[in-house]
Amino acid sequence: MTVSYTLKVAEARFGGFSGLLLRWRGSIYKLLYKEFLLFTVLYALLSITYRLLLTQEQRHVYAQVARYCNRSADLIPLSFVLGFYVTLVVNRWWAQYTSIPLPDQLMCVISASVHGVDQRGRLMRRTLVRYANLASVLVLRSVSTRVLKRFPTMEHVVDAGFMSQEERKKFESLKSDFNKYWVPCVWFTNLAAQARRDGRIHDDMALCLLLKELNKYRAKCSMLFHYDWISIPLVYTQVVTIAVYSFFALSLVGHQFVEPEARAAKPQEPLEPGQEPGPALGDMDMYVPLTTLLQFFFYAGWLKVAEQIINPFGEDDDDFETNQLIDRNLQVSLLSVDDMYQNLPPAEKDPYWDEGSAQPPYTVATVAESLRPSFLGSTFNLRVSDDPEQSLQVEASPVSAGRVPAAQTPLLSRFLGAGEPFPAVSLGNFGGTQGAPRTPHLLRFRVEEGGDPENADCIEEETAGSGDQAREP
């Protein structure tokens, strides 16, 4: 059964994730403890061998090998290779879950499209949803070990009520070398066409909608089958596995404590008269390699995560509950097209019938939320400049002939040449060159009559109560 802890992390609080570390079912400890114990035992054996069983000359050779292994382990790009692989596996895992066929949309269309309160109408609706559920059972038998153990043979499928004996004979009489999960979908289309001819489906639009939903359902069955068929390339999985195993094989030797090299020893302070020199200082002798064990826990655990979810249709703790999905789909779909068909509660006026604004009540625990103002947009509280000139509306009339002049800034005009006919449009150009600035209220482009439009463009400025002449560009 899938391990769900959503309620435990509904609120962010102190030590929120810490409570999840003590769980065993579905945990990383359950997945990794065997490999972790093996790595610890091998590390301890090599450490005991170096400390107690080797001679001084053999220790010297072992120390050289350990330093070489330590340098070589750093050359493996483990974080990059493993991180990219796990990301790919997680995305594939979620895509497989979204490909599981659910009959919810299809059963609603069947209930709304296939009419008839008699036995024939009821039989058609129930048969249609049963064919849809049969298609999902057949494809899940092909990809899920749990479903295959539940329905090991077609006789078990018949006994479960997904298929009749006659339908089984028809199914087995079809000779094909490929998976036949699509056969119930073809039965569905033929039965829907018969319902249209019998008048159970009133128009072609309803039939088209029904077949469209069926095609979506069948596409998910097909996608699920192809996810099982086409795996992540084997070479990629092998590269990641070899990278992790070789890294920790080198770490078993390279992360052992060895005597420091003479030239690598740390310099000591000058000796006082009569003081004897102490031993050369090196790395601390850690009998328990804590950092190495944590490194193994993280990287090997990362690989175990990918190993568990690369095929979520197995029998691991966090694999998909396919058998429960089959039970749920059959029960819900039959209820929707049979017991709920035209079984409606009476239409009544809602409690807010005479109210202009509906406001559902709050409980004491949630009444504080009603006091918060509603969100009206990120710019709702933006303070706009109080300067009236910033709020002026400027109209630009289209040029009657030629193209519209392009706006330029004064600084840009210096680089484009003095003979540029297009003036700059800015608030600085709206006022006069001398005296108090004037407030413009209208700008328009005009073309001098009888001249070249491109050479005669200018900006005419009109001010309230003034007859100033337009400035030429």
Protein backbone atom coordinates (compact mmCIF):
# COMPACT_ATOMS: atom_id res chain seq x y z
CA MET A 1 0.00 0.00 0.00
CA THR A 2 1.28 3.45 -0.90
CA VAL A 3 2.81 5.29 2.05
CA SER A 4 1.01 8.63 2.46
CA TYR A 5 2.20 11.28 4.91
CA THR A 6 0.45 14.35 3.45
CA LEU A 7 -1.44 15.11 6.65
CA LYS A 8 1.79 15.06 8.68
CA VAL A 9 3.25 17.88 6.59
CA ALA A 10 0.08 19.95 6.21
CA GLU A 11 1.65 22.70 8.32
CA ALA A 12 5.25 23.88 8.40
CA ARG A 13 6.41 23.67 12.00
CA PHE A 14 9.56 23.09 14.00
CA GLY A 15 10.87 19.60 13.30
CA GLY A 16 8.09 18.91 10.80
CA PHE A 17 10.13 16.48 8.70
CA SER A 18 11.94 15.07 11.73
CA GLY A 19 8.91 13.00 12.70
CA LEU A 20 9.06 11.24 9.33
CA LEU A 21 12.59 9.99 9.99
CA LEU A 22 11.39 7.41 12.49
CA ARG A 23 9.14 5.55 10.05
CA TRP A 24 10.21 2.17 8.79
CA ARG A 25 7.67 1.23 6.12
CA GLY A 26 8.61 2.82 2.81
CA SER A 27 11.72 4.37 4.34
CA ILE A 28 15.24 4.59 3.00
CA TYR A 29 16.43 2.48 5.94
CA LYS A 30 14.34 -0.45 4.77
CA LEU A 31 15.70 -0.14 1.25
CA LEU A 32 19.35 0.40 2.12
CA TYR A 33 20.18 -1.37 5.36
CA LYS A 34 21.56 -4.54 3.72
CA GLU A 35 23.96 -2.65 1.45
CA PHE A 36 24.87 -0.33 4.31
CA LEU A 37 25.77 -3.24 6.59
CA LEU A 38 27.82 -4.88 3.83
CA PHE A 39 29.78 -1.67 3.19
CA THR A 40 30.42 -1.20 6.92
CA VAL A 41 31.65 -4.79 7.37
CA LEU A 42 34.01 -4.56 4.39
CA TYR A 43 35.39 -1.25 5.62
CA ALA A 44 35.98 -2.71 9.09
CA LEU A 45 37.75 -5.78 7.67
CA LEU A 46 40.14 -3.64 5.63
CA SER A 47 40.80 -1.40 8.62
CA ILE A 48 41.58 -4.35 10.90
CA THR A 49 43.81 -5.89 8.25
CA TYR A 50 45.82 -2.68 7.89
CA ARG A 51 46.19 -2.07 11.60
CA LEU A 52 46.90 -5.61 12.88
CA LEU A 53 47.94 -7.95 10.09
CA LEU A 54 50.28 -6.02 7.80
CA THR A 55 53.97 -5.45 8.28
CA GLN A 56 55.53 -2.01 8.16
CA GLU A 57 56.59 -2.41 4.54
CA GLN A 58 53.14 -3.70 3.56
CA ARG A 59 51.52 -0.75 5.33
CA HIS A 60 53.65 1.59 3.27
CA VAL A 61 52.49 -0.06 0.03
CA TYR A 62 48.89 -0.07 1.25
CA ALA A 63 49.11 3.63 2.08
CA GLN A 64 50.26 4.42 -1.47
CA VAL A 65 47.35 2.40 -2.90
CA ALA A 66 44.88 4.12 -0.56
CA ARG A 67 46.04 7.60 -1.60
CA TYR A 68 45.77 6.62 -5.27
CA CYS A 69 42.22 5.30 -4.76
CA ASN A 70 41.23 8.46 -2.89
CA ARG A 71 42.43 10.67 -5.76
CA SER A 72 40.76 8.42 -8.35
CA ALA A 73 37.38 8.49 -6.57
CA ASP A 74 37.28 12.27 -6.89
CA LEU A 75 37.48 11.95 -10.69
CA ILE A 76 34.09 10.21 -10.96
CA PRO A 77 31.31 12.80 -11.65
CA LEU A 78 28.91 10.94 -9.39
CA SER A 79 26.65 13.84 -8.40
CA PHE A 80 26.06 14.89 -12.01
CA VAL A 81 25.43 11.41 -13.42
CA LEU A 82 23.28 10.22 -10.53
CA GLY A 83 21.30 13.45 -10.15
CA PHE A 84 20.35 13.61 -13.82
CA TYR A 85 19.35 9.94 -13.83
CA VAL A 86 17.14 10.23 -10.74
CA THR A 87 15.44 13.31 -12.20
CA LEU A 88 14.66 11.38 -15.37
CA VAL A 89 13.28 8.45 -13.37
CA VAL A 90 11.08 10.65 -11.18
CA ASN A 91 9.57 12.42 -14.20
CA ARG A 92 8.89 9.08 -15.82
CA TRP A 93 7.33 7.78 -12.60
CA TRP A 94 4.80 10.60 -12.44
CA ALA A 95 4.04 10.34 -16.17
CA GLN A 96 3.20 6.66 -15.71
CA TYR A 97 0.77 7.49 -12.92
CA THR A 98 -1.01 10.08 -15.06
CA SER A 99 -1.29 7.45 -17.81
CA ILE A 100 -3.39 5.08 -15.69
CA PRO A 101 -6.85 5.00 -17.35
CA LEU A 102 -9.67 6.35 -15.18
CA PRO A 103 -13.27 6.06 -16.45
CA ASP A 104 -14.62 9.18 -14.73
CA GLN A 105 -15.04 11.35 -17.83
CA LEU A 106 -16.20 8.45 -19.98
CA MET A 107 -18.88 7.29 -17.52
CA CYS A 108 -20.34 10.82 -17.30
CA VAL A 109 -20.65 10.97 -21.09
CA ILE A 110 -22.26 7.51 -21.17
CA SER A 111 -24.78 8.50 -18.51
CA ALA A 112 -25.68 11.67 -20.42
CA SER A 113 -25.70 10.22 -23.95
CA VAL A 114 -27.11 6.68 -23.80
CA HIS A 115 -30.79 6.98 -22.87
CA GLY A 116 -33.45 4.55 -21.79
CA VAL A 117 -34.91 3.53 -18.44
CA ASP A 118 -35.86 0.09 -19.65
CA GLN A 119 -33.78 -3.05 -19.35
CA ARG A 120 -32.24 -2.59 -22.79
CA GLY A 121 -30.99 0.93 -22.02
CA ARG A 122 -29.64 -0.14 -18.65
CA LEU A 123 -27.90 -3.13 -20.26
CA MET A 124 -26.21 -0.95 -22.87
CA ARG A 125 -24.89 1.55 -20.34
CA ARG A 126 -23.55 -1.12 -18.00
CA THR A 127 -22.00 -3.04 -20.88
CA LEU A 128 -20.24 0.04 -22.20
CA VAL A 129 -18.57 0.84 -18.86
CA ARG A 130 -17.76 -2.83 -18.35
CA TYR A 131 -15.91 -2.90 -21.69
CA ALA A 132 -13.94 0.17 -20.63
CA ASN A 133 -12.99 -1.43 -17.31
CA LEU A 134 -12.10 -4.67 -19.08
CA ALA A 135 -9.62 -2.81 -21.30
CA SER A 136 -7.88 -1.34 -18.24
CA VAL A 137 -7.75 -4.74 -16.52
CA LEU A 138 -6.17 -6.35 -19.57
CA VAL A 139 -3.49 -3.70 -19.90
CA LEU A 140 -2.77 -3.68 -16.14
CA ARG A 141 -2.35 -7.48 -16.25
CA SER A 142 0.43 -6.85 -18.74
CA VAL A 143 2.35 -4.30 -16.67
CA SER A 144 1.55 -4.89 -12.99
CA THR A 145 2.66 -7.94 -11.04
CA ARG A 146 -0.04 -7.35 -8.44
CA VAL A 147 -2.83 -7.44 -11.02
CA LEU A 148 -1.34 -10.48 -12.73
CA LYS A 149 -1.26 -12.35 -9.44
CA ARG A 150 -4.91 -11.40 -8.91
CA PHE A 151 -5.97 -12.43 -12.46
CA PRO A 152 -3.41 -15.02 -13.57
CA THR A 153 -5.66 -16.41 -16.33
CA MET A 154 -8.58 -15.19 -18.42
CA GLU A 155 -10.81 -17.52 -16.42
CA HIS A 156 -10.15 -15.36 -13.36
CA VAL A 157 -11.16 -12.29 -15.37
CA VAL A 158 -14.43 -14.01 -16.30
CA ASP A 159 -15.08 -15.05 -12.70
CA ALA A 160 -14.52 -11.45 -11.56
CA GLY A 161 -17.36 -10.29 -13.85
CA PHE A 162 -15.32 -8.21 -16.29
CA MET A 163 -16.00 -10.61 -19.17
CA SER A 164 -18.67 -13.17 -20.05
CA GLN A 165 -17.98 -16.65 -21.38
CA GLU A 166 -19.16 -15.68 -24.85
CA GLU A 167 -16.95 -12.63 -24.84
CA ARG A 168 -14.03 -14.77 -23.76
CA LYS A 169 -14.59 -17.11 -26.71
CA LYS A 170 -14.72 -14.14 -29.06
CA PHE A 171 -11.59 -12.73 -27.48
CA GLU A 172 -9.60 -15.95 -27.73
CA SER A 173 -10.78 -16.63 -31.28
CA LEU A 174 -9.00 -13.49 -32.48
CA LYS A 175 -5.56 -14.61 -33.65
CA SER A 176 -2.92 -11.98 -33.01
CA ASP A 177 0.70 -12.08 -31.93
CA PHE A 178 0.34 -8.81 -30.04
CA ASN A 179 -1.37 -7.73 -26.86
CA LYS A 180 -5.16 -7.59 -27.35
CA TYR A 181 -6.08 -5.07 -24.64
CA TRP A 182 -7.66 -2.93 -27.39
CA VAL A 183 -10.36 -5.50 -28.27
CA PRO A 184 -12.89 -4.29 -25.63
CA CYS A 185 -12.50 -0.76 -27.03
CA VAL A 186 -13.58 -2.01 -30.46
CA TRP A 187 -16.56 -3.76 -28.85
CA PHE A 188 -17.37 -0.45 -27.20
CA THR A 189 -17.42 1.43 -30.52
CA ASN A 190 -19.62 -1.19 -32.19
CA LEU A 191 -22.09 -1.16 -29.30
CA ALA A 192 -22.17 2.66 -29.32
CA ALA A 193 -22.92 2.65 -33.04
CA GLN A 194 -25.73 0.15 -32.45
CA ALA A 195 -27.14 2.38 -29.71
CA ARG A 196 -27.16 5.27 -32.18
CA ARG A 197 -29.05 3.20 -34.74
CA ASP A 198 -31.56 2.12 -32.10
CA GLY A 199 -32.16 5.71 -31.05
CA ARG A 200 -30.59 5.31 -27.61
CA ILE A 201 -28.11 8.02 -28.60
CA HIS A 202 -30.19 10.88 -29.94
CA ASP A 203 -27.76 12.63 -32.30
CA ASP A 204 -24.41 12.26 -33.98
CA MET A 205 -22.81 14.93 -31.81
CA ALA A 206 -23.45 12.85 -28.70
CA LEU A 207 -21.99 9.79 -30.44
CA CYS A 208 -18.95 11.81 -31.52
CA LEU A 209 -18.39 13.04 -27.95
CA LEU A 210 -18.72 9.50 -26.61
CA LEU A 211 -16.17 8.10 -29.06
CA LYS A 212 -13.83 11.02 -28.37
CA GLU A 213 -13.79 10.22 -24.67
CA LEU A 214 -13.25 6.55 -25.48
CA ASN A 215 -10.23 7.41 -27.62
CA LYS A 216 -8.73 9.38 -24.72
CA TYR A 217 -9.28 6.38 -22.46
CA ARG A 218 -7.76 3.98 -25.00
CA ALA A 219 -4.78 6.33 -25.52
CA LYS A 220 -3.95 6.11 -21.82
CA CYS A 221 -4.11 2.32 -21.97
CA SER A 222 -1.76 2.39 -24.95
CA MET A 223 0.63 4.83 -23.26
CA LEU A 224 0.75 2.66 -20.15
CA PHE A 225 1.61 -0.37 -22.26
CA HIS A 226 4.35 1.52 -24.10
CA TYR A 227 5.89 2.80 -20.86
CA ASP A 228 6.25 -0.84 -19.87
CA TRP A 229 7.63 -1.75 -23.29
CA ILE A 230 10.12 1.12 -23.75
CA SER A 231 12.33 1.46 -20.68
CA ILE A 232 15.08 3.93 -19.90
CA PRO A 233 18.04 2.85 -22.07
CA LEU A 234 19.90 0.02 -20.37
CA VAL A 235 23.27 1.61 -21.03
CA TYR A 236 22.30 4.65 -18.95
CA THR A 237 21.21 2.49 -16.02
CA GLN A 238 24.44 0.49 -16.30
CA VAL A 239 26.59 3.64 -16.38
CA VAL A 240 24.94 5.03 -13.25
CA THR A 241 25.17 1.72 -11.39
CA ILE A 242 28.83 1.21 -12.30
CA ALA A 243 29.64 4.79 -11.32
CA VAL A 244 28.11 4.37 -7.86
CA TYR A 245 29.61 0.95 -7.19
CA SER A 246 33.09 1.88 -8.46
CA PHE A 247 33.06 5.09 -6.40
CA PHE A 248 32.42 3.23 -3.18
CA ALA A 249 34.78 0.41 -4.11
CA LEU A 250 37.51 3.03 -4.34
CA SER A 251 36.24 4.67 -1.16
CA LEU A 252 36.59 1.40 0.78
CA VAL A 253 40.33 1.59 0.26
CA GLY A 254 40.91 5.30 -0.31
CA HIS A 255 39.02 6.51 2.78
CA GLN A 256 40.92 4.22 5.17
CA PHE A 257 43.13 5.82 7.78
CA VAL A 258 46.79 5.42 6.84
CA GLU A 259 49.98 6.83 8.22
CA PRO A 260 50.78 10.27 6.76
CA GLU A 261 53.60 10.76 4.33
CA ALA A 262 56.78 12.27 5.67
CA ARG A 263 56.64 15.32 3.39
CA ALA A 264 52.90 15.71 3.99
CA ALA A 265 53.30 15.95 7.76
CA LYS A 266 52.49 19.29 9.28
CA PRO A 267 55.55 21.35 10.42
CA GLN A 268 56.11 21.47 14.13
CA GLU A 269 57.17 24.36 16.31
CA PRO A 270 60.86 24.77 17.22
CA LEU A 271 61.95 22.48 20.07
CA GLU A 272 63.15 23.86 23.35
CA PRO A 273 66.41 22.64 24.84
CA GLY A 274 65.99 19.15 26.25
CA GLN A 275 62.61 18.53 24.53
CA GLU A 276 62.21 15.39 22.40
CA PRO A 277 60.51 15.65 18.95
CA GLY A 278 56.96 14.30 18.83
CA PRO A 279 55.43 12.13 16.11
CA ALA A 280 54.50 13.62 12.74
CA LEU A 281 50.99 15.03 12.69
CA GLY A 282 48.50 13.90 10.05
CA ASP A 283 44.77 13.29 9.75
CA MET A 284 42.87 12.24 12.83
CA ASP A 285 42.53 8.48 13.23
CA MET A 286 38.75 7.92 13.03
CA TYR A 287 37.88 4.34 13.87
CA VAL A 288 34.29 5.02 12.70
CA PRO A 289 34.37 6.86 9.32
CA LEU A 290 31.30 9.00 9.88
CA THR A 291 31.61 11.16 6.76
CA THR A 292 32.26 8.12 4.54
CA LEU A 293 29.20 6.33 5.92
CA LEU A 294 27.06 9.43 5.38
CA GLN A 295 28.36 9.71 1.85
CA PHE A 296 27.41 6.10 1.19
CA PHE A 297 23.99 6.66 2.75
CA PHE A 298 23.25 9.65 0.51
CA TYR A 299 24.59 8.40 -2.82
CA ALA A 300 23.55 4.76 -2.49
CA GLY A 301 20.19 5.87 -1.11
CA TRP A 302 19.78 8.11 -4.15
CA LEU A 303 20.36 5.13 -6.40
CA LYS A 304 17.88 3.08 -4.36
CA VAL A 305 15.21 5.72 -4.89
CA ALA A 306 15.61 5.35 -8.65
CA GLU A 307 15.61 1.57 -8.32
CA GLN A 308 12.30 1.62 -6.44
CA ILE A 309 10.32 3.98 -8.65
CA ILE A 310 11.71 3.06 -12.07
CA ASN A 311 8.91 0.48 -12.25
CA PRO A 312 6.03 1.58 -9.98
CA PHE A 313 3.86 -1.39 -10.93
CA GLY A 314 5.66 -3.89 -8.72
CA GLU A 315 5.11 -4.81 -5.09
CA ASP A 316 7.26 -2.28 -3.25
CA ASP A 317 5.82 -0.20 -0.44
CA ASP A 318 5.45 2.90 -2.61
CA ASP A 319 4.29 1.20 -5.81
CA PHE A 320 0.89 2.03 -7.28
CA GLU A 321 -2.16 0.35 -5.75
CA THR A 322 -3.43 -1.01 -9.05
CA ASN A 323 -5.82 -3.55 -7.54
CA GLN A 324 -7.56 -0.88 -5.51
CA LEU A 325 -7.79 1.29 -8.62
CA ILE A 326 -9.52 -1.55 -10.47
CA ASP A 327 -12.05 -1.98 -7.66
CA ARG A 328 -12.70 1.73 -7.43
CA ASN A 329 -13.10 2.22 -11.19
CA LEU A 330 -15.60 -0.62 -11.58
CA GLN A 331 -17.72 0.39 -8.61
CA VAL A 332 -17.85 4.10 -9.42
CA SER A 333 -18.53 3.63 -13.12
CA LEU A 334 -21.40 1.18 -12.57
CA LEU A 335 -22.98 3.48 -10.00
CA SER A 336 -22.82 6.46 -12.35
CA VAL A 337 -24.53 4.78 -15.31
CA ASP A 338 -27.04 2.63 -13.41
CA ASP A 339 -28.16 3.72 -9.95
CA MET A 340 -27.51 7.40 -10.65
CA TYR A 341 -29.06 7.46 -14.14
CA GLN A 342 -31.86 10.09 -14.02
CA ASN A 343 -31.89 9.67 -10.24
CA LEU A 344 -31.79 13.34 -9.33
CA PRO A 345 -32.65 15.10 -6.08
CA PRO A 346 -35.44 17.70 -6.41
CA ALA A 347 -34.33 21.16 -7.48
CA GLU A 348 -34.72 23.64 -4.63
CA LYS A 349 -33.90 27.26 -4.02
CA ASP A 350 -30.50 27.73 -2.45
CA PRO A 351 -30.18 29.62 0.88
CA TYR A 352 -28.85 32.69 -0.92
CA TRP A 353 -31.76 32.99 -3.35
CA ASP A 354 -32.86 36.45 -2.16
CA GLU A 355 -29.43 37.73 -1.18
CA GLY A 356 -27.37 39.95 -3.41
CA SER A 357 -24.04 38.64 -2.19
CA ALA A 358 -23.58 35.05 -1.03
CA GLN A 359 -21.46 34.69 2.10
CA PRO A 360 -21.11 31.17 3.52
CA PRO A 361 -20.63 31.04 7.30
CA TYR A 362 -17.31 30.42 9.05
CA THR A 363 -16.56 28.41 12.14
CA VAL A 364 -14.90 29.92 15.18
CA ALA A 365 -11.61 28.33 14.14
CA THR A 366 -11.67 29.99 10.69
CA VAL A 367 -13.53 33.27 11.25
CA ALA A 368 -10.26 35.24 11.25
CA GLU A 369 -9.80 34.43 7.57
CA SER A 370 -12.94 36.43 6.70
CA LEU A 371 -11.29 39.60 8.00
CA ARG A 372 -8.49 39.48 5.46
CA PRO A 373 -9.02 41.66 2.37
CA SER A 374 -9.38 39.81 -0.89
CA PHE A 375 -6.56 39.87 -3.41
CA LEU A 376 -7.30 42.37 -6.19
CA GLY A 377 -4.03 42.25 -8.11
CA SER A 378 -0.36 42.95 -7.53
CA THR A 379 -0.65 46.57 -8.81
CA PHE A 380 -3.79 47.45 -6.85
CA ASN A 381 -1.88 49.25 -4.07
CA LEU A 382 0.73 50.81 -6.37
CA ARG A 383 1.21 54.52 -5.63
CA VAL A 384 0.97 56.65 -8.78
CA SER A 385 2.86 59.93 -9.10
CA ASP A 386 0.88 63.02 -8.00
CA ASP A 387 2.43 65.14 -10.76
CA PRO A 388 -0.45 66.14 -13.11
CA GLU A 389 1.88 66.20 -16.10
CA GLN A 390 2.48 62.46 -15.67
CA SER A 391 -1.25 61.80 -16.13
CA LEU A 392 -1.75 63.78 -19.32
CA GLN A 393 -3.16 61.91 -22.30
CA VAL A 394 -1.27 62.41 -25.55
CA GLU A 395 -2.84 61.59 -28.87
CA ALA A 396 -0.86 60.80 -32.00
CA SER A 397 -2.87 61.25 -35.22
CA PRO A 398 -1.84 58.92 -38.05
CA VAL A 399 0.02 60.49 -40.95
CA SER A 400 -2.21 60.97 -43.99
CA ALA A 401 0.56 59.99 -46.39
CA GLY A 402 3.85 58.25 -45.95
CA ARG A 403 5.01 56.36 -42.94
CA VAL A 404 4.73 57.33 -39.28
CA PRO A 405 7.92 58.99 -38.01
CA ALA A 406 9.94 56.98 -35.57
CA ALA A 407 10.46 58.45 -32.11
CA GLN A 408 14.01 59.12 -30.97
CA THR A 409 15.58 60.46 -27.84
CA PRO A 410 17.81 63.57 -27.97
CA LEU A 411 20.90 61.57 -27.05
CA LEU A 412 20.25 59.04 -29.80
CA SER A 413 19.77 61.82 -32.35
CA ARG A 414 23.37 62.93 -31.89
CA PHE A 415 24.67 59.57 -33.12
CA LEU A 416 22.21 59.26 -36.00
CA GLY A 417 23.16 62.59 -37.60
CA ALA A 418 21.90 66.12 -37.57
CA GLY A 419 19.98 65.73 -40.82
CA GLU A 420 17.60 63.14 -39.37
CA PRO A 421 14.09 64.33 -40.20
CA PHE A 422 12.38 62.51 -37.33
CA PRO A 423 12.05 64.56 -34.14
CA ALA A 424 12.32 63.32 -30.61
CA VAL A 425 9.11 62.86 -28.68
CA SER A 426 9.56 63.54 -25.00
CA LEU A 427 8.11 65.75 -22.29
CA GLY A 428 11.18 67.94 -22.54
CA ASN A 429 10.27 68.84 -26.14
CA PHE A 430 6.74 69.81 -25.18
CA GLY A 431 7.80 73.03 -23.35
CA GLY A 432 9.41 76.17 -24.76
CA THR A 433 13.14 76.65 -25.10
CA GLN A 434 13.13 79.67 -22.82
CA GLY A 435 11.00 80.93 -20.00
CA ALA A 436 8.52 78.99 -17.92
CA PRO A 437 7.63 75.54 -19.19
CA ARG A 438 4.30 75.19 -20.92
CA THR A 439 1.87 72.36 -20.40
CA PRO A 440 0.94 70.69 -23.67
CA HIS A 441 -2.48 69.17 -24.10
CA LEU A 442 -2.32 67.80 -27.65
CA LEU A 443 0.32 66.58 -30.05
CA ARG A 444 -0.30 65.55 -33.58
CA PHE A 445 1.79 64.67 -36.58
CA ARG A 446 1.14 66.67 -39.73
CA VAL A 447 2.51 66.82 -43.25
CA GLU A 448 3.17 70.06 -45.01
CA GLU A 449 1.06 70.37 -48.09
CA GLY A 450 2.88 70.32 -51.38
CA GLY A 451 6.10 68.87 -50.01
CA ASP A 452 7.88 65.61 -49.48
CA PRO A 453 6.20 63.75 -46.57
CA GLU A 454 9.47 62.37 -45.23
CA ASN A 455 11.18 65.77 -45.25
CA ALA A 456 8.22 67.79 -44.10
CA ASP A 457 7.21 65.85 -40.97
CA CYS A 458 7.04 67.88 -37.85
CA ILE A 459 5.38 68.05 -34.48
CA GLU A 460 2.88 70.79 -33.95
CA GLU A 461 2.26 71.84 -30.41
CA GLU A 462 -0.98 73.43 -29.38
CA THR A 463 -1.30 75.15 -26.05
CA ALA A 464 -4.35 76.58 -24.38
CA GLY A 465 -4.74 80.28 -25.19
CA SER A 466 -1.52 80.63 -27.23
CA GLY A 467 -0.88 81.02 -30.88
CA ASP A 468 2.74 79.95 -30.90
CA GLN A 469 4.01 78.70 -34.15
CA ALA A 470 4.93 75.03 -34.50
CA ARG A 471 8.54 74.24 -34.05
CA GLU A 472 10.17 72.62 -37.02
CA PRO A 473 12.32 69.54 -36.42
